N, C-alpha and C. Protein backbone atom coordinates (compact mmCIF):
# COMPACT_ATOMS: atom_id res chain seq x y z
N UNK A 1 -66.51 387.37 189.30
CA UNK A 1 -66.82 388.75 188.92
C UNK A 1 -67.95 389.29 189.80
N UNK A 2 -67.80 390.48 190.34
CA UNK A 2 -68.82 391.07 191.19
C UNK A 2 -69.94 391.65 190.33
N UNK A 3 -71.06 392.00 190.98
CA UNK A 3 -72.16 392.60 190.26
C UNK A 3 -71.72 393.91 189.62
N UNK A 4 -70.85 394.67 190.34
CA UNK A 4 -70.40 395.95 189.83
C UNK A 4 -69.55 395.76 188.58
N UNK A 5 -68.87 394.61 188.49
CA UNK A 5 -67.99 394.37 187.37
C UNK A 5 -68.62 393.51 186.29
N UNK A 6 -69.93 393.28 186.38
CA UNK A 6 -70.60 392.45 185.40
C UNK A 6 -70.52 393.08 184.02
N UNK A 7 -70.37 392.24 183.00
CA UNK A 7 -70.27 392.75 181.65
C UNK A 7 -71.57 393.42 181.23
N UNK A 8 -71.46 394.42 180.34
CA UNK A 8 -72.62 395.21 179.95
C UNK A 8 -73.70 394.37 179.27
N UNK A 9 -73.30 393.30 178.57
CA UNK A 9 -74.30 392.51 177.86
C UNK A 9 -75.08 391.58 178.78
N UNK A 10 -74.71 391.57 180.04
CA UNK A 10 -75.34 390.66 181.00
C UNK A 10 -76.52 391.38 181.66
N UNK A 11 -77.67 391.38 181.01
CA UNK A 11 -78.85 392.08 181.52
C UNK A 11 -79.63 391.17 182.47
N UNK A 12 -79.87 391.64 183.67
CA UNK A 12 -80.53 390.79 184.68
C UNK A 12 -81.93 391.25 185.05
N UNK A 13 -82.37 392.38 184.51
CA UNK A 13 -83.69 392.89 184.85
C UNK A 13 -84.47 393.30 183.62
N UNK A 14 -85.72 393.64 183.80
CA UNK A 14 -86.59 394.05 182.70
C UNK A 14 -86.11 395.38 182.14
N UNK A 15 -86.08 395.49 180.81
CA UNK A 15 -85.65 396.72 180.15
C UNK A 15 -86.83 397.50 179.57
N UNK A 16 -87.94 396.82 179.27
CA UNK A 16 -89.09 397.47 178.63
C UNK A 16 -90.06 398.01 179.68
N UNK A 17 -90.94 398.95 179.29
CA UNK A 17 -91.89 399.55 180.24
C UNK A 17 -92.81 398.52 180.90
N UNK A 18 -93.21 398.83 182.14
CA UNK A 18 -94.13 397.97 182.88
C UNK A 18 -95.46 397.86 182.13
N UNK A 19 -95.95 396.63 181.99
CA UNK A 19 -97.24 396.42 181.36
C UNK A 19 -97.21 396.27 179.86
N UNK A 20 -96.07 396.55 179.24
CA UNK A 20 -95.98 396.45 177.78
C UNK A 20 -95.86 394.99 177.36
N UNK A 21 -96.65 394.56 176.36
CA UNK A 21 -96.66 393.14 175.95
C UNK A 21 -95.53 392.79 174.99
N UNK A 22 -94.31 392.90 175.44
CA UNK A 22 -93.16 392.63 174.57
C UNK A 22 -93.16 391.18 174.10
N UNK A 23 -93.33 390.26 175.04
CA UNK A 23 -93.35 388.84 174.70
C UNK A 23 -94.73 388.41 174.25
N UNK A 24 -95.75 388.83 174.98
CA UNK A 24 -97.12 388.42 174.64
C UNK A 24 -97.54 388.93 173.27
N UNK A 25 -96.91 390.01 172.79
CA UNK A 25 -97.25 390.57 171.49
C UNK A 25 -96.29 390.17 170.39
N UNK A 26 -95.48 389.15 170.65
CA UNK A 26 -94.54 388.66 169.64
C UNK A 26 -95.11 387.39 169.01
N UNK A 27 -95.58 387.46 167.75
CA UNK A 27 -96.20 386.29 167.13
C UNK A 27 -95.29 385.09 166.99
N UNK A 28 -93.98 385.32 166.95
CA UNK A 28 -93.05 384.19 166.83
C UNK A 28 -93.01 383.36 168.11
N UNK A 29 -93.46 383.96 169.21
CA UNK A 29 -93.46 383.26 170.50
C UNK A 29 -94.84 382.77 170.88
N UNK A 30 -95.83 383.65 170.74
CA UNK A 30 -97.18 383.33 171.24
C UNK A 30 -98.23 383.10 170.16
N UNK A 31 -97.91 383.50 168.91
CA UNK A 31 -98.90 383.35 167.86
C UNK A 31 -99.87 384.52 167.76
N UNK A 32 -99.74 385.51 168.65
CA UNK A 32 -100.59 386.69 168.58
C UNK A 32 -99.73 387.93 168.43
N UNK A 33 -100.29 388.97 167.78
CA UNK A 33 -99.49 390.18 167.58
C UNK A 33 -99.83 391.22 168.64
N UNK A 34 -99.18 392.37 168.55
CA UNK A 34 -99.33 393.39 169.59
C UNK A 34 -100.75 393.95 169.66
N UNK A 35 -101.49 393.91 168.55
CA UNK A 35 -102.86 394.42 168.58
C UNK A 35 -103.80 393.49 169.35
N UNK A 36 -103.41 392.23 169.47
CA UNK A 36 -104.23 391.26 170.20
C UNK A 36 -103.85 391.20 171.68
N UNK A 37 -102.59 391.48 171.97
CA UNK A 37 -102.09 391.37 173.35
C UNK A 37 -102.56 392.56 174.19
N UNK A 38 -103.02 392.28 175.39
CA UNK A 38 -103.48 393.34 176.29
C UNK A 38 -102.30 394.09 176.87
N UNK A 39 -102.37 395.43 176.79
CA UNK A 39 -101.32 396.27 177.38
C UNK A 39 -101.91 397.01 178.57
N UNK A 40 -101.14 397.06 179.65
CA UNK A 40 -101.58 397.75 180.86
C UNK A 40 -100.73 398.99 181.08
N UNK A 41 -101.39 400.13 181.13
CA UNK A 41 -100.70 401.40 181.35
C UNK A 41 -100.97 401.89 182.77
N UNK A 42 -99.95 401.88 183.64
CA UNK A 42 -100.14 402.28 185.03
C UNK A 42 -100.59 403.73 185.20
N UNK A 43 -100.39 404.54 184.15
CA UNK A 43 -100.74 405.95 184.23
C UNK A 43 -102.16 406.24 183.74
N UNK A 44 -102.81 405.24 183.15
CA UNK A 44 -104.14 405.44 182.58
C UNK A 44 -105.20 404.82 183.49
N UNK A 45 -106.15 405.60 183.99
CA UNK A 45 -107.16 405.09 184.93
C UNK A 45 -107.96 403.90 184.38
N UNK A 46 -108.38 403.97 183.11
CA UNK A 46 -109.15 402.87 182.53
C UNK A 46 -108.32 401.61 182.41
N UNK A 47 -107.06 401.78 182.00
CA UNK A 47 -106.17 400.63 181.87
C UNK A 47 -105.87 400.03 183.24
N UNK A 48 -105.78 400.90 184.25
CA UNK A 48 -105.50 400.43 185.60
C UNK A 48 -106.70 399.65 186.14
N UNK A 49 -107.90 400.08 185.78
CA UNK A 49 -109.10 399.35 186.19
C UNK A 49 -109.13 397.97 185.53
N UNK A 50 -108.72 397.91 184.26
CA UNK A 50 -108.64 396.63 183.57
C UNK A 50 -107.60 395.74 184.23
N UNK A 51 -106.50 396.34 184.66
CA UNK A 51 -105.45 395.57 185.35
C UNK A 51 -105.99 394.97 186.64
N UNK A 52 -106.77 395.77 187.39
CA UNK A 52 -107.34 395.29 188.65
C UNK A 52 -108.30 394.12 188.40
N UNK A 53 -109.12 394.24 187.36
CA UNK A 53 -110.06 393.17 187.02
C UNK A 53 -109.30 391.91 186.57
N UNK A 54 -108.23 392.12 185.82
CA UNK A 54 -107.43 390.99 185.33
C UNK A 54 -106.75 390.26 186.48
N UNK A 55 -106.23 391.02 187.43
CA UNK A 55 -105.57 390.42 188.59
C UNK A 55 -106.57 389.61 189.41
N UNK A 56 -107.75 390.16 189.62
CA UNK A 56 -108.78 389.45 190.39
C UNK A 56 -109.14 388.14 189.71
N UNK A 57 -109.30 388.17 188.39
CA UNK A 57 -109.63 386.97 187.64
C UNK A 57 -108.47 385.99 187.64
N UNK A 58 -107.28 386.53 187.51
CA UNK A 58 -106.05 385.72 187.48
C UNK A 58 -105.87 384.97 188.80
N UNK A 59 -106.15 385.64 189.91
CA UNK A 59 -105.98 385.03 191.23
C UNK A 59 -106.93 383.85 191.43
N UNK A 60 -108.04 383.86 190.74
CA UNK A 60 -109.04 382.79 190.90
C UNK A 60 -108.81 381.62 189.96
N UNK A 61 -107.97 381.82 188.93
CA UNK A 61 -107.84 380.80 187.89
C UNK A 61 -106.40 380.33 187.65
N UNK A 62 -105.48 380.63 188.57
CA UNK A 62 -104.08 380.29 188.36
C UNK A 62 -103.83 378.80 188.51
N UNK A 63 -104.39 378.19 189.54
CA UNK A 63 -104.08 376.80 189.86
C UNK A 63 -104.43 375.87 188.70
N UNK A 64 -103.44 375.12 188.27
CA UNK A 64 -103.66 374.12 187.24
C UNK A 64 -103.69 374.65 185.82
N UNK A 65 -103.58 375.96 185.63
CA UNK A 65 -103.63 376.52 184.28
C UNK A 65 -102.37 376.17 183.51
N UNK A 66 -102.54 375.79 182.24
CA UNK A 66 -101.40 375.47 181.39
C UNK A 66 -101.16 376.55 180.35
N UNK A 67 -101.92 377.65 180.42
CA UNK A 67 -101.78 378.73 179.46
C UNK A 67 -100.71 379.70 179.96
N UNK A 68 -99.50 379.57 179.43
CA UNK A 68 -98.39 380.40 179.91
C UNK A 68 -98.56 381.87 179.54
N UNK A 69 -99.18 382.14 178.39
CA UNK A 69 -99.42 383.53 178.00
C UNK A 69 -100.43 384.17 178.95
N UNK A 70 -101.42 383.40 179.37
CA UNK A 70 -102.39 383.87 180.37
C UNK A 70 -101.66 384.25 181.65
N UNK A 71 -100.69 383.42 182.04
CA UNK A 71 -99.91 383.68 183.24
C UNK A 71 -99.11 384.99 183.10
N UNK A 72 -98.49 385.18 181.94
CA UNK A 72 -97.70 386.39 181.73
C UNK A 72 -98.59 387.63 181.70
N UNK A 73 -99.79 387.49 181.17
CA UNK A 73 -100.73 388.62 181.17
C UNK A 73 -101.11 388.96 182.61
N UNK A 74 -101.37 387.95 183.41
CA UNK A 74 -101.70 388.19 184.81
C UNK A 74 -100.55 388.84 185.55
N UNK A 75 -99.33 388.40 185.26
CA UNK A 75 -98.14 388.99 185.89
C UNK A 75 -97.99 390.45 185.50
N UNK A 76 -98.27 390.75 184.22
CA UNK A 76 -98.18 392.14 183.75
C UNK A 76 -99.22 393.00 184.45
N UNK A 77 -100.40 392.46 184.63
CA UNK A 77 -101.46 393.21 185.32
C UNK A 77 -101.07 393.48 186.77
N UNK A 78 -100.47 392.49 187.42
CA UNK A 78 -100.01 392.68 188.81
C UNK A 78 -98.99 393.80 188.90
N UNK A 79 -98.01 393.77 187.99
CA UNK A 79 -96.94 394.77 188.01
C UNK A 79 -97.48 396.16 187.72
N UNK A 80 -98.39 396.26 186.75
CA UNK A 80 -98.97 397.56 186.41
C UNK A 80 -99.80 398.11 187.58
N UNK A 81 -100.53 397.23 188.25
CA UNK A 81 -101.35 397.65 189.37
C UNK A 81 -100.49 398.16 190.53
N UNK A 82 -99.37 397.48 190.77
CA UNK A 82 -98.44 397.94 191.81
C UNK A 82 -97.88 399.31 191.46
N UNK A 83 -97.47 399.47 190.20
CA UNK A 83 -96.91 400.76 189.78
C UNK A 83 -97.97 401.86 189.88
N UNK A 84 -99.18 401.55 189.45
CA UNK A 84 -100.23 402.57 189.47
C UNK A 84 -100.71 402.93 190.86
N UNK A 85 -100.78 401.95 191.76
CA UNK A 85 -101.28 402.18 193.11
C UNK A 85 -100.17 402.60 194.08
N UNK A 86 -98.93 402.28 193.73
CA UNK A 86 -97.81 402.74 194.55
C UNK A 86 -97.26 401.77 195.57
N UNK A 87 -97.94 400.64 195.79
CA UNK A 87 -97.44 399.64 196.73
C UNK A 87 -98.14 398.31 196.51
N UNK A 88 -97.54 397.25 197.03
CA UNK A 88 -98.15 395.92 196.94
C UNK A 88 -99.47 395.90 197.72
N UNK A 89 -99.46 396.52 198.88
CA UNK A 89 -100.64 396.52 199.73
C UNK A 89 -101.81 397.22 199.06
N UNK A 90 -101.53 398.39 198.46
CA UNK A 90 -102.59 399.14 197.79
C UNK A 90 -103.09 398.39 196.56
N UNK A 91 -102.18 397.73 195.86
CA UNK A 91 -102.57 396.95 194.68
C UNK A 91 -103.46 395.78 195.09
N UNK A 92 -103.13 395.15 196.19
CA UNK A 92 -103.92 394.03 196.70
C UNK A 92 -105.33 394.49 197.06
N UNK A 93 -105.41 395.63 197.72
CA UNK A 93 -106.72 396.16 198.11
C UNK A 93 -107.55 396.52 196.89
N UNK A 94 -106.92 397.06 195.87
CA UNK A 94 -107.63 397.46 194.65
C UNK A 94 -108.17 396.23 193.91
N UNK A 95 -107.42 395.13 193.95
CA UNK A 95 -107.80 393.93 193.22
C UNK A 95 -108.93 393.15 193.91
N UNK A 96 -109.08 393.33 195.22
CA UNK A 96 -110.15 392.63 195.92
C UNK A 96 -109.66 391.81 197.09
N UNK A 97 -110.60 391.39 197.93
CA UNK A 97 -110.27 390.69 199.16
C UNK A 97 -109.56 389.36 198.95
N UNK A 98 -109.81 388.71 197.81
CA UNK A 98 -109.22 387.38 197.57
C UNK A 98 -107.79 387.44 197.05
N UNK A 99 -107.28 388.63 196.79
CA UNK A 99 -105.94 388.78 196.22
C UNK A 99 -104.98 389.25 197.31
N UNK A 100 -104.04 388.41 197.67
CA UNK A 100 -103.12 388.73 198.76
C UNK A 100 -101.93 389.56 198.28
N UNK A 101 -101.28 390.19 199.23
CA UNK A 101 -100.05 390.94 198.93
C UNK A 101 -98.98 389.99 198.40
N UNK A 102 -98.90 388.81 198.99
CA UNK A 102 -97.92 387.82 198.54
C UNK A 102 -98.13 387.44 197.08
N UNK A 103 -99.38 387.25 196.69
CA UNK A 103 -99.71 386.90 195.31
C UNK A 103 -99.27 388.00 194.36
N UNK A 104 -99.60 389.23 194.68
CA UNK A 104 -99.23 390.38 193.85
C UNK A 104 -97.72 390.49 193.72
N UNK A 105 -97.02 390.33 194.85
CA UNK A 105 -95.56 390.46 194.84
C UNK A 105 -94.90 389.40 193.97
N UNK A 106 -95.32 388.16 194.13
CA UNK A 106 -94.71 387.06 193.39
C UNK A 106 -94.85 387.23 191.88
N UNK A 107 -96.05 387.57 191.43
CA UNK A 107 -96.27 387.67 189.99
C UNK A 107 -95.72 388.95 189.40
N UNK A 108 -95.66 390.02 190.20
CA UNK A 108 -95.01 391.25 189.73
C UNK A 108 -93.54 391.00 189.45
N UNK A 109 -92.92 390.19 190.28
CA UNK A 109 -91.51 389.85 190.08
C UNK A 109 -91.31 389.07 188.79
N UNK A 110 -92.27 388.21 188.45
CA UNK A 110 -92.16 387.46 187.20
C UNK A 110 -92.18 388.43 186.02
N UNK A 111 -93.05 389.42 186.09
CA UNK A 111 -93.12 390.42 185.01
C UNK A 111 -91.81 391.22 184.91
N UNK A 112 -91.11 391.35 186.02
CA UNK A 112 -89.86 392.11 186.04
C UNK A 112 -88.66 391.30 185.55
N UNK A 113 -88.85 390.01 185.29
CA UNK A 113 -87.74 389.20 184.77
C UNK A 113 -87.33 389.71 183.39
N UNK A 114 -86.06 389.53 183.03
CA UNK A 114 -85.62 389.97 181.70
C UNK A 114 -86.33 389.20 180.59
N UNK A 115 -86.38 389.82 179.43
CA UNK A 115 -87.06 389.22 178.28
C UNK A 115 -86.51 387.84 177.93
N UNK A 116 -85.22 387.65 178.11
CA UNK A 116 -84.60 386.37 177.75
C UNK A 116 -85.18 385.22 178.54
N UNK A 117 -85.64 385.47 179.77
CA UNK A 117 -86.27 384.42 180.58
C UNK A 117 -87.76 384.32 180.25
N UNK A 118 -88.43 385.46 180.12
CA UNK A 118 -89.87 385.45 179.86
C UNK A 118 -90.23 384.75 178.56
N UNK A 119 -89.33 384.80 177.59
CA UNK A 119 -89.58 384.11 176.32
C UNK A 119 -89.70 382.60 176.54
N UNK A 120 -88.88 382.05 177.41
CA UNK A 120 -88.95 380.62 177.69
C UNK A 120 -90.21 380.26 178.47
N UNK A 121 -90.69 381.21 179.28
CA UNK A 121 -91.95 380.99 180.00
C UNK A 121 -93.10 380.94 178.99
N UNK A 122 -93.12 381.88 178.07
CA UNK A 122 -94.18 381.94 177.06
C UNK A 122 -94.19 380.70 176.18
N UNK A 123 -93.01 380.15 175.91
CA UNK A 123 -92.92 378.96 175.06
C UNK A 123 -93.25 377.68 175.82
N UNK A 124 -93.39 377.78 177.13
CA UNK A 124 -93.68 376.60 177.92
C UNK A 124 -92.44 375.82 178.31
N UNK A 125 -91.26 376.39 178.13
CA UNK A 125 -90.01 375.70 178.44
C UNK A 125 -89.58 375.93 179.89
N UNK A 126 -90.07 377.00 180.49
CA UNK A 126 -89.92 377.23 181.93
C UNK A 126 -91.33 377.40 182.49
N UNK A 127 -91.68 376.58 183.44
CA UNK A 127 -93.03 376.65 184.02
C UNK A 127 -93.21 377.99 184.75
N UNK A 128 -94.38 378.62 184.63
CA UNK A 128 -94.62 379.87 185.35
C UNK A 128 -94.36 379.74 186.85
N UNK A 129 -94.70 378.58 187.42
CA UNK A 129 -94.46 378.38 188.84
C UNK A 129 -92.96 378.33 189.15
N UNK A 130 -92.16 377.84 188.21
CA UNK A 130 -90.70 377.87 188.38
C UNK A 130 -90.20 379.29 188.23
N UNK A 131 -90.80 380.04 187.30
CA UNK A 131 -90.39 381.43 187.07
C UNK A 131 -90.60 382.27 188.33
N UNK A 132 -91.64 381.95 189.11
CA UNK A 132 -91.87 382.69 190.36
C UNK A 132 -90.68 382.54 191.30
N UNK A 133 -90.09 381.36 191.34
CA UNK A 133 -88.95 381.12 192.23
C UNK A 133 -87.67 381.72 191.66
N UNK A 134 -87.52 381.66 190.35
CA UNK A 134 -86.37 382.31 189.70
C UNK A 134 -86.40 383.81 189.99
N UNK A 135 -87.60 384.39 189.95
CA UNK A 135 -87.76 385.82 190.18
C UNK A 135 -87.45 386.23 191.61
N UNK A 136 -87.44 385.27 192.54
CA UNK A 136 -87.08 385.58 193.93
C UNK A 136 -85.60 385.89 194.07
N UNK A 137 -84.82 385.43 193.10
CA UNK A 137 -83.37 385.61 193.14
C UNK A 137 -83.01 386.88 192.38
N UNK A 138 -82.02 387.61 192.86
CA UNK A 138 -81.64 388.87 192.22
C UNK A 138 -80.32 388.75 191.47
N UNK A 139 -80.06 389.74 190.64
CA UNK A 139 -78.79 389.83 189.93
C UNK A 139 -78.55 388.70 188.94
N UNK A 140 -77.27 388.41 188.71
CA UNK A 140 -76.89 387.41 187.72
C UNK A 140 -77.34 386.01 188.11
N UNK A 141 -77.52 385.77 189.41
CA UNK A 141 -77.91 384.44 189.87
C UNK A 141 -79.25 384.02 189.28
N UNK A 142 -80.15 384.98 189.04
CA UNK A 142 -81.45 384.62 188.48
C UNK A 142 -81.32 384.10 187.05
N UNK A 143 -80.38 384.68 186.30
CA UNK A 143 -80.15 384.19 184.95
C UNK A 143 -79.50 382.82 184.98
N UNK A 144 -78.51 382.66 185.84
CA UNK A 144 -77.86 381.36 185.96
C UNK A 144 -78.87 380.27 186.32
N UNK A 145 -79.76 380.58 187.26
CA UNK A 145 -80.75 379.60 187.69
C UNK A 145 -81.71 379.27 186.55
N UNK A 146 -82.09 380.27 185.78
CA UNK A 146 -83.00 380.03 184.65
C UNK A 146 -82.35 379.13 183.61
N UNK A 147 -81.08 379.42 183.28
CA UNK A 147 -80.41 378.63 182.23
C UNK A 147 -80.14 377.21 182.72
N UNK A 148 -79.81 377.07 183.98
CA UNK A 148 -79.58 375.73 184.52
C UNK A 148 -80.89 374.93 184.54
N UNK A 149 -81.99 375.61 184.85
CA UNK A 149 -83.29 374.95 184.85
C UNK A 149 -83.60 374.39 183.47
N UNK A 150 -83.21 375.13 182.43
CA UNK A 150 -83.42 374.67 181.06
C UNK A 150 -82.46 373.54 180.70
N UNK A 151 -81.18 373.75 180.96
CA UNK A 151 -80.16 372.79 180.53
C UNK A 151 -80.23 371.46 181.28
N UNK A 152 -80.71 371.51 182.51
CA UNK A 152 -80.75 370.29 183.32
C UNK A 152 -82.18 369.83 183.61
N UNK A 153 -83.15 370.48 182.96
CA UNK A 153 -84.56 370.09 183.10
C UNK A 153 -84.97 369.95 184.57
N UNK A 154 -84.68 371.00 185.35
CA UNK A 154 -84.99 370.98 186.77
C UNK A 154 -86.49 371.03 187.00
N UNK A 155 -86.93 370.38 188.05
CA UNK A 155 -88.34 370.45 188.45
C UNK A 155 -88.58 371.77 189.18
N UNK A 156 -89.85 372.12 189.34
CA UNK A 156 -90.20 373.33 190.08
C UNK A 156 -89.70 373.22 191.51
N UNK A 157 -89.79 372.04 192.09
CA UNK A 157 -89.32 371.85 193.46
C UNK A 157 -87.81 372.08 193.56
N UNK A 158 -87.06 371.62 192.57
CA UNK A 158 -85.61 371.82 192.58
C UNK A 158 -85.26 373.30 192.41
N UNK A 159 -85.97 373.98 191.53
CA UNK A 159 -85.74 375.42 191.34
C UNK A 159 -86.03 376.17 192.63
N UNK A 160 -87.12 375.82 193.28
CA UNK A 160 -87.50 376.47 194.54
C UNK A 160 -86.43 376.26 195.60
N UNK A 161 -85.91 375.04 195.70
CA UNK A 161 -84.90 374.72 196.70
C UNK A 161 -83.61 375.49 196.45
N UNK A 162 -83.18 375.55 195.20
CA UNK A 162 -81.95 376.28 194.88
C UNK A 162 -82.13 377.77 195.14
N UNK A 163 -83.29 378.31 194.75
CA UNK A 163 -83.56 379.74 194.99
C UNK A 163 -83.52 380.05 196.48
N UNK A 164 -84.05 379.16 197.29
CA UNK A 164 -84.05 379.37 198.74
C UNK A 164 -82.62 379.38 199.28
N UNK A 165 -81.78 378.47 198.80
CA UNK A 165 -80.38 378.42 199.24
C UNK A 165 -79.66 379.73 198.88
N UNK A 166 -79.88 380.20 197.65
CA UNK A 166 -79.23 381.43 197.21
C UNK A 166 -79.67 382.60 198.07
N UNK A 167 -80.96 382.68 198.36
CA UNK A 167 -81.47 383.78 199.19
C UNK A 167 -81.03 383.66 200.64
N UNK A 168 -80.60 382.47 201.04
CA UNK A 168 -80.06 382.28 202.39
C UNK A 168 -78.57 382.62 202.45
N UNK A 169 -78.01 383.06 201.32
CA UNK A 169 -76.61 383.49 201.31
C UNK A 169 -75.64 382.52 200.68
N UNK A 170 -76.13 381.39 200.17
CA UNK A 170 -75.25 380.42 199.51
C UNK A 170 -74.93 380.92 198.11
N UNK A 171 -73.66 380.90 197.75
CA UNK A 171 -73.25 381.31 196.41
C UNK A 171 -73.94 380.42 195.38
N UNK A 172 -74.37 381.00 194.25
CA UNK A 172 -75.11 380.25 193.25
C UNK A 172 -74.31 379.05 192.74
N UNK A 173 -73.01 379.22 192.56
CA UNK A 173 -72.18 378.12 192.08
C UNK A 173 -72.15 376.97 193.09
N UNK A 174 -72.07 377.32 194.37
CA UNK A 174 -72.05 376.31 195.42
C UNK A 174 -73.42 375.62 195.54
N UNK A 175 -74.49 376.41 195.43
CA UNK A 175 -75.83 375.85 195.51
C UNK A 175 -76.06 374.82 194.41
N UNK A 176 -75.53 375.09 193.24
CA UNK A 176 -75.68 374.15 192.12
C UNK A 176 -74.75 372.95 192.28
N UNK A 177 -73.52 373.22 192.70
CA UNK A 177 -72.54 372.14 192.85
C UNK A 177 -73.00 371.11 193.87
N UNK A 178 -73.68 371.56 194.91
CA UNK A 178 -74.16 370.63 195.94
C UNK A 178 -75.21 369.66 195.39
N UNK A 179 -75.72 369.99 194.21
CA UNK A 179 -76.70 369.12 193.55
C UNK A 179 -76.13 368.45 192.30
N UNK A 180 -74.79 368.48 192.20
CA UNK A 180 -74.13 367.82 191.09
C UNK A 180 -74.18 368.56 189.78
N UNK A 181 -74.45 369.88 189.83
CA UNK A 181 -74.54 370.69 188.61
C UNK A 181 -73.35 371.64 188.54
N UNK A 182 -72.66 371.64 187.40
CA UNK A 182 -71.53 372.54 187.19
C UNK A 182 -72.00 373.78 186.45
N UNK A 183 -71.89 374.95 187.08
CA UNK A 183 -72.32 376.18 186.45
C UNK A 183 -71.46 376.47 185.22
N UNK A 184 -72.10 376.72 184.09
CA UNK A 184 -71.38 377.02 182.86
C UNK A 184 -71.20 375.82 181.95
N UNK A 185 -71.57 374.66 182.43
CA UNK A 185 -71.43 373.45 181.61
C UNK A 185 -72.67 373.30 180.72
N UNK A 186 -72.42 373.17 179.41
CA UNK A 186 -73.51 373.07 178.45
C UNK A 186 -73.10 372.16 177.31
N UNK A 187 -74.03 371.42 176.78
CA UNK A 187 -73.75 370.55 175.64
C UNK A 187 -74.18 371.24 174.36
N UNK A 188 -73.25 371.36 173.39
CA UNK A 188 -73.53 372.02 172.13
C UNK A 188 -73.28 371.08 170.96
N UNK A 189 -74.05 371.25 169.90
CA UNK A 189 -73.80 370.53 168.66
C UNK A 189 -73.21 371.51 167.66
N UNK A 190 -71.98 371.26 167.22
CA UNK A 190 -71.26 372.18 166.34
C UNK A 190 -71.21 371.65 164.91
N UNK A 191 -71.04 372.60 163.99
CA UNK A 191 -70.72 372.22 162.62
C UNK A 191 -69.47 371.33 162.65
N UNK A 192 -69.41 370.33 161.79
CA UNK A 192 -68.30 369.38 161.83
C UNK A 192 -66.94 370.05 161.67
N UNK A 193 -66.84 371.00 160.73
CA UNK A 193 -65.57 371.68 160.51
C UNK A 193 -65.19 372.55 161.70
N UNK A 194 -66.21 373.21 162.30
CA UNK A 194 -65.95 374.04 163.47
C UNK A 194 -65.47 373.17 164.62
N UNK A 195 -66.11 372.03 164.79
CA UNK A 195 -65.71 371.09 165.84
C UNK A 195 -64.26 370.64 165.65
N UNK A 196 -63.91 370.30 164.40
CA UNK A 196 -62.54 369.85 164.12
C UNK A 196 -61.52 370.94 164.39
N UNK A 197 -61.84 372.18 163.97
CA UNK A 197 -60.89 373.29 164.17
C UNK A 197 -60.78 373.66 165.65
N UNK A 198 -61.89 373.59 166.36
CA UNK A 198 -61.86 373.88 167.79
C UNK A 198 -60.94 372.90 168.51
N UNK A 199 -61.08 371.65 168.20
CA UNK A 199 -60.23 370.64 168.82
C UNK A 199 -58.76 370.83 168.43
N UNK A 200 -58.52 371.16 167.16
CA UNK A 200 -57.14 371.35 166.70
C UNK A 200 -56.48 372.51 167.43
N UNK A 201 -57.20 373.65 167.50
CA UNK A 201 -56.63 374.83 168.15
C UNK A 201 -56.41 374.58 169.65
N UNK A 202 -57.34 373.92 170.27
CA UNK A 202 -57.19 373.63 171.69
C UNK A 202 -55.94 372.79 171.93
N UNK A 203 -55.69 371.85 171.05
CA UNK A 203 -54.51 371.00 171.19
C UNK A 203 -53.22 371.78 170.96
N UNK A 204 -53.18 372.55 169.87
CA UNK A 204 -51.98 373.31 169.52
C UNK A 204 -51.66 374.37 170.57
N UNK A 205 -52.71 375.03 171.10
CA UNK A 205 -52.51 376.10 172.07
C UNK A 205 -52.49 375.60 173.51
N UNK A 206 -52.59 374.28 173.67
CA UNK A 206 -52.58 373.66 174.99
C UNK A 206 -53.65 374.25 175.91
N UNK A 207 -54.86 374.32 175.38
CA UNK A 207 -56.00 374.86 176.13
C UNK A 207 -57.16 373.87 176.06
N UNK A 208 -58.13 374.08 176.94
CA UNK A 208 -59.36 373.31 176.88
C UNK A 208 -60.28 373.93 175.82
N UNK A 209 -61.10 373.11 175.14
CA UNK A 209 -62.02 373.66 174.14
C UNK A 209 -62.90 374.78 174.69
N UNK A 210 -63.29 374.65 175.95
CA UNK A 210 -64.12 375.69 176.55
C UNK A 210 -63.44 377.04 176.61
N UNK A 211 -62.11 377.05 176.81
CA UNK A 211 -61.38 378.32 176.84
C UNK A 211 -61.40 378.99 175.48
N UNK A 212 -61.20 378.20 174.42
CA UNK A 212 -61.21 378.74 173.06
C UNK A 212 -62.60 379.28 172.73
N UNK A 213 -63.62 378.49 173.04
CA UNK A 213 -65.00 378.89 172.74
C UNK A 213 -65.39 380.14 173.52
N UNK A 214 -64.99 380.21 174.79
CA UNK A 214 -65.30 381.38 175.61
C UNK A 214 -64.69 382.64 175.02
N UNK A 215 -63.43 382.56 174.63
CA UNK A 215 -62.77 383.73 174.04
C UNK A 215 -63.45 384.19 172.77
N UNK A 216 -63.79 383.23 171.92
CA UNK A 216 -64.44 383.58 170.65
C UNK A 216 -65.82 384.21 170.88
N UNK A 217 -66.58 383.64 171.82
CA UNK A 217 -67.93 384.16 172.09
C UNK A 217 -67.87 385.54 172.74
N UNK A 218 -66.90 385.75 173.63
CA UNK A 218 -66.78 387.07 174.25
C UNK A 218 -66.49 388.15 173.20
N UNK A 219 -65.66 387.83 172.24
CA UNK A 219 -65.37 388.80 171.17
C UNK A 219 -66.65 389.13 170.41
N UNK A 220 -67.46 388.13 170.14
CA UNK A 220 -68.70 388.37 169.40
C UNK A 220 -69.70 389.16 170.25
N UNK A 221 -69.84 388.82 171.51
CA UNK A 221 -70.80 389.48 172.37
C UNK A 221 -70.45 390.96 172.62
N UNK A 222 -69.13 391.26 172.61
CA UNK A 222 -68.69 392.62 172.92
C UNK A 222 -68.64 393.52 171.70
N UNK A 223 -68.93 392.98 170.52
CA UNK A 223 -68.93 393.80 169.31
C UNK A 223 -70.10 394.79 169.32
């Protein structure tokens, strides 16, 4: 399926406003609510100044940090600063001499990832450094790479390598297959009765269980 023909439920980019703490303000994910989470408004001068200060501090404290929410806050500040200043270069200059254009670009892309990926970053299930490489990939491939990273427990180095192959023009399915990974393959634990009925229908209809499950899930997703 081409990007133009992608199903409507397949969201590959950020849907919420830049700087809004959608994930950071969700207590079920981070333990803090929206009143505690810092919001950056690219249109507000005071908020933009706070974003610049946050980016400067973030650039000095990223290495070795295990606070994923801190990382997401820094990414939000980078994205808001870019939007407010109008370019990566201007955002870098506003944040200070120690903040490079490359740094701003990488973390702004993390903030632009869809909520479905950022939630796993906040929970610590996808490392922020891996998220930077996932964010280098565009379209549906970024979601595929994120889900494969979860399902196959890929290292940051493996994620980086696959992202580089995809950006070099290698199809995502081929990039994964070359590493022994089948795109779309996932292990599920089903209710016993559902498992029995799935197997029965697959046998009677002369289909693979995956075909039956795919059809059923598509009907649910398209409702």
